[in-house]
C-alpha atoms as a PDB file:
ATOM      1  CA  MET A   1     -47.796  13.243 109.418  1.00  0.00           C
ATOM      2  CA  HIS A   2     -49.834  13.243 112.355  1.00  0.00           C
ATOM      3  CA  PHE A   3     -53.113  11.495 112.645  1.00  0.00           C
ATOM      4  CA  GLU A   4     -55.426  12.266 115.681  1.00  0.00           C
ATOM      5  CA  PHE A   5     -57.041   9.006 116.808  1.00  0.00           C
ATOM      6  CA  GLY A   6     -57.736   8.127 120.373  1.00  0.00           C
ATOM      7  CA  ILE A   7     -59.180   4.801 121.755  1.00  0.00           C
ATOM      8  CA  THR A   8     -59.312   3.799 125.448  1.00  0.00           C
ATOM      9  CA  ALA A   9     -57.663   0.774 126.674  1.00  0.00           C
ATOM     10  CA  PHE A  10     -60.930  -0.748 127.600  1.00  0.00           C
ATOM     11  CA  VAL A  11     -62.260  -0.723 124.150  1.00  0.00           C
ATOM     12  CA  ALA A  12     -59.009  -1.603 122.724  1.00  0.00           C
ATOM     13  CA  LEU A  13     -59.225  -4.791 125.222  1.00  0.00           C
ATOM     14  CA  TYR A  14     -62.824  -5.424 124.190  1.00  0.00           C
ATOM     15  CA  ILE A  15     -62.099  -5.382 120.586  1.00  0.00           C
ATOM     16  CA  PHE A  16     -58.822  -7.890 120.880  1.00  0.00           C
ATOM     17  CA  MET A  17     -61.135  -9.894 123.256  1.00  0.00           C
ATOM     18  CA  LEU A  18     -63.957 -10.121 120.407  1.00  0.00           C
ATOM     19  CA  ALA A  19     -61.586 -10.825 117.593  1.00  0.00           C
ATOM     20  CA  GLY A  20     -59.875 -13.804 119.441  1.00  0.00           C
ATOM     21  CA  PHE A  21     -63.191 -15.261 120.141  1.00  0.00           C
ATOM     22  CA  GLY A  22     -64.417 -14.959 116.774  1.00  0.00           C
ATOM     23  CA  GLY A  23     -61.411 -16.413 115.382  1.00  0.00           C
ATOM     24  CA  TRP A  24     -61.874 -19.384 117.850  1.00  0.00           C
ATOM     25  CA  VAL A  25     -65.498 -19.905 116.974  1.00  0.00           C
ATOM     26  CA  ILE A  26     -64.736 -19.601 113.308  1.00  0.00           C
ATOM     27  CA  ILE A  27     -61.634 -21.844 113.087  1.00  0.00           C
ATOM     28  CA  GLY A  28     -62.954 -24.358 115.680  1.00  0.00           C
ATOM     29  CA  ASN A  29     -65.713 -25.291 113.177  1.00  0.00           C
ATOM     30  CA  VAL A  30     -63.579 -25.795 110.197  1.00  0.00           C
ATOM     31  CA  PRO A  31     -63.274 -29.299 109.186  1.00  0.00           C
ATOM     32  CA  ALA A  32     -59.361 -30.457 109.441  1.00  0.00           C
ATOM     33  CA  ILE A  33     -59.310 -31.118 105.797  1.00  0.00           C
ATOM     34  CA  LEU A  34     -60.003 -27.725 105.164  1.00  0.00           C
ATOM     35  CA  HIS A  35     -58.063 -25.986 107.723  1.00  0.00           C
ATOM     36  CA  THR A  36     -54.833 -25.508 105.808  1.00  0.00           C
ATOM     37  CA  PRO A  37     -56.238 -24.314 102.444  1.00  0.00           C
ATOM     38  CA  LEU A  38     -58.566 -21.820 104.572  1.00  0.00           C
ATOM     39  CA  MET A  39     -55.653 -20.297 106.536  1.00  0.00           C
ATOM     40  CA  SER A  40     -53.147 -20.201 103.831  1.00  0.00           C
ATOM     41  CA  GLY A  41     -56.050 -18.733 101.350  1.00  0.00           C
ATOM     42  CA  SER A  42     -56.368 -15.875 103.952  1.00  0.00           C
ATOM     43  CA  ASN A  43     -53.115 -14.445 103.681  1.00  0.00           C
ATOM     44  CA  PHE A  44     -54.787 -11.096 102.998  1.00  0.00           C
ATOM     45  CA  VAL A  45     -55.206 -10.623 106.652  1.00  0.00           C
ATOM     46  CA  HIS A  46     -51.657 -10.477 107.353  1.00  0.00           C
ATOM     47  CA  GLY A  47     -51.402  -7.522 105.031  1.00  0.00           C
ATOM     48  CA  ILE A  48     -54.070  -5.945 106.970  1.00  0.00           C
ATOM     49  CA  VAL A  49     -51.974  -6.627 110.009  1.00  0.00           C
ATOM     50  CA  VAL A  50     -48.971  -4.837 108.396  1.00  0.00           C
ATOM     51  CA  VAL A  51     -51.384  -1.821 107.604  1.00  0.00           C
ATOM     52  CA  GLY A  52     -52.273  -1.612 111.067  1.00  0.00           C
ATOM     53  CA  ALA A  53     -48.642  -1.730 112.320  1.00  0.00           C
ATOM     54  CA  ILE A  54     -47.661   0.999 110.124  1.00  0.00           C
ATOM     55  CA  PHE A  55     -50.558   3.054 111.236  1.00  0.00           C
ATOM     56  CA  ALA A  56     -49.354   2.119 114.725  1.00  0.00           C
ATOM     57  CA  MET A  57     -45.916   3.301 114.107  1.00  0.00           C
ATOM     58  CA  LEU A  58     -46.835   6.431 112.367  1.00  0.00           C
ATOM     59  CA  ASN A  59     -48.879   7.253 115.356  1.00  0.00           C
ATOM     60  CA  ALA A  60     -45.878   6.467 117.885  1.00  0.00           C
ATOM     61  CA  VAL A  61     -44.708   9.302 120.026  1.00  0.00           C
ATOM     62  CA  THR A  62     -41.717   7.754 122.086  1.00  0.00           C
ATOM     63  CA  PRO A  63     -38.911   5.717 120.883  1.00  0.00           C
ATOM     64  CA  THR A  64     -40.299   2.837 122.783  1.00  0.00           C
ATOM     65  CA  GLN A  65     -43.726   2.810 120.702  1.00  0.00           C
ATOM     66  CA  GLN A  66     -41.759   3.332 117.597  1.00  0.00           C
ATOM     67  CA  ALA A  67     -39.442   0.172 118.179  1.00  0.00           C
ATOM     68  CA  ILE A  68     -42.897  -1.597 118.837  1.00  0.00           C
ATOM     69  CA  GLY A  69     -44.470  -0.521 115.666  1.00  0.00           C
ATOM     70  CA  PHE A  70     -41.252  -1.310 113.718  1.00  0.00           C
ATOM     71  CA  PHE A  71     -41.211  -4.921 114.985  1.00  0.00           C
ATOM     72  CA  ALA A  72     -44.823  -5.119 114.422  1.00  0.00           C
ATOM     73  CA  VAL A  73     -44.389  -4.225 110.945  1.00  0.00           C
ATOM     74  CA  LEU A  74     -41.184  -6.668 110.690  1.00  0.00           C
ATOM     75  CA  LEU A  75     -43.344  -9.490 112.001  1.00  0.00           C
ATOM     76  CA  GLY A  76     -46.381  -9.102 110.214  1.00  0.00           C
ATOM     77  CA  ALA A  77     -44.455  -8.784 106.936  1.00  0.00           C
ATOM     78  CA  GLY A  78     -42.655 -11.899 107.804  1.00  0.00           C
ATOM     79  CA  ASN A  79     -45.922 -13.588 108.569  1.00  0.00           C
ATOM     80  CA  ALA A  80     -47.524 -12.616 105.099  1.00  0.00           C
ATOM     81  CA  ALA A  81     -44.235 -13.904 103.374  1.00  0.00           C
ATOM     82  CA  GLY A  82     -44.248 -17.057 105.120  1.00  0.00           C
ATOM     83  CA  GLY A  83     -47.956 -17.598 104.344  1.00  0.00           C
ATOM     84  CA  TYR A  84     -47.623 -17.093 100.777  1.00  0.00           C
ATOM     85  CA  ALA A  85     -44.731 -19.588 100.530  1.00  0.00           C
ATOM     86  CA  VAL A  86     -46.735 -22.163 102.371  1.00  0.00           C
ATOM     87  CA  THR A  87     -49.487 -21.471  99.816  1.00  0.00           C
ATOM     88  CA  ASP A  88     -47.195 -21.727  97.239  1.00  0.00           C
ATOM     89  CA  ARG A  89     -45.874 -25.280  98.479  1.00  0.00           C
ATOM     90  CA  MET A  90     -49.007 -26.369  99.216  1.00  0.00           C
ATOM     91  CA  LEU A  91     -50.537 -25.707  95.681  1.00  0.00           C
ATOM     92  CA  ALA A  92     -47.172 -27.399  94.196  1.00  0.00           C
ATOM     93  CA  MET A  93     -48.374 -30.552  96.090  1.00  0.00           C
ATOM     94  CA  PHE A  94     -51.689 -30.697  93.647  1.00  0.00           C
ATOM     95  CA  LYS A  95     -49.834 -29.977  90.479  1.00  0.00           C
ATOM     96  CA  THR A  96     -49.540 -33.347  88.337  1.00  0.00           C
ATOM     97  CA  SER A  97     -46.430 -34.372  87.408  1.00  0.00           C
ATOM     98  CA  GLN A  98     -45.466 -35.478  84.018  1.00  0.00           C
ATOM     99  CA  VAL A  99     -43.119 -38.524  84.444  1.00  0.00           C
ATOM    100  CA  VAL A 100     -41.981 -39.691  81.126  1.00  0.00           C
ATOM    101  CA  ALA A 101     -41.641 -43.258  80.889  1.00  0.00           C
ATOM    102  CA  PRO A 102     -38.195 -44.635  80.074  1.00  0.00           C
ATOM    103  CA  LYS A 103     -37.563 -45.927  76.748  1.00  0.00           C
ATOM    104  CA  THR A 104     -36.776 -49.631  76.386  1.00  0.00           C
ATOM    105  CA  PRO A 105     -33.819 -50.625  74.327  1.00  0.00           C
ATOM    106  CA  GLU A 106     -34.812 -51.865  70.948  1.00  0.00           C
ATOM    107  CA  LYS A 107     -33.733 -55.476  70.356  1.00  0.00           C
ATOM    108  CA  LYS A 108     -31.549 -56.387  67.444  1.00  0.00           C
ATOM    109  CA  SER A 109     -32.598 -59.257  65.412  1.00  0.00           C
END
């Protein structure tokens, strides 16, 4: 499977800088109380990172590029799994706990 897709280093750097600045502006304007739910709710972004890493690994030519692609897939998948684990833990904090009141012993008269 071979895909032809060329991108210059300047365009790649421009996209990276634009994404970094956009993320900084968006996350910087989020109130502190909404930061954790927003970040845990955006776990789909980690899936996109994994897809991009797989695409990069498929287009790798040299063993070094393949190793970098493998580690990108590995780290992206770990990031996605960790994000879902944190989300599950955070949502568990909002569940109501049903505490059963202890029964008082009956008095004999």
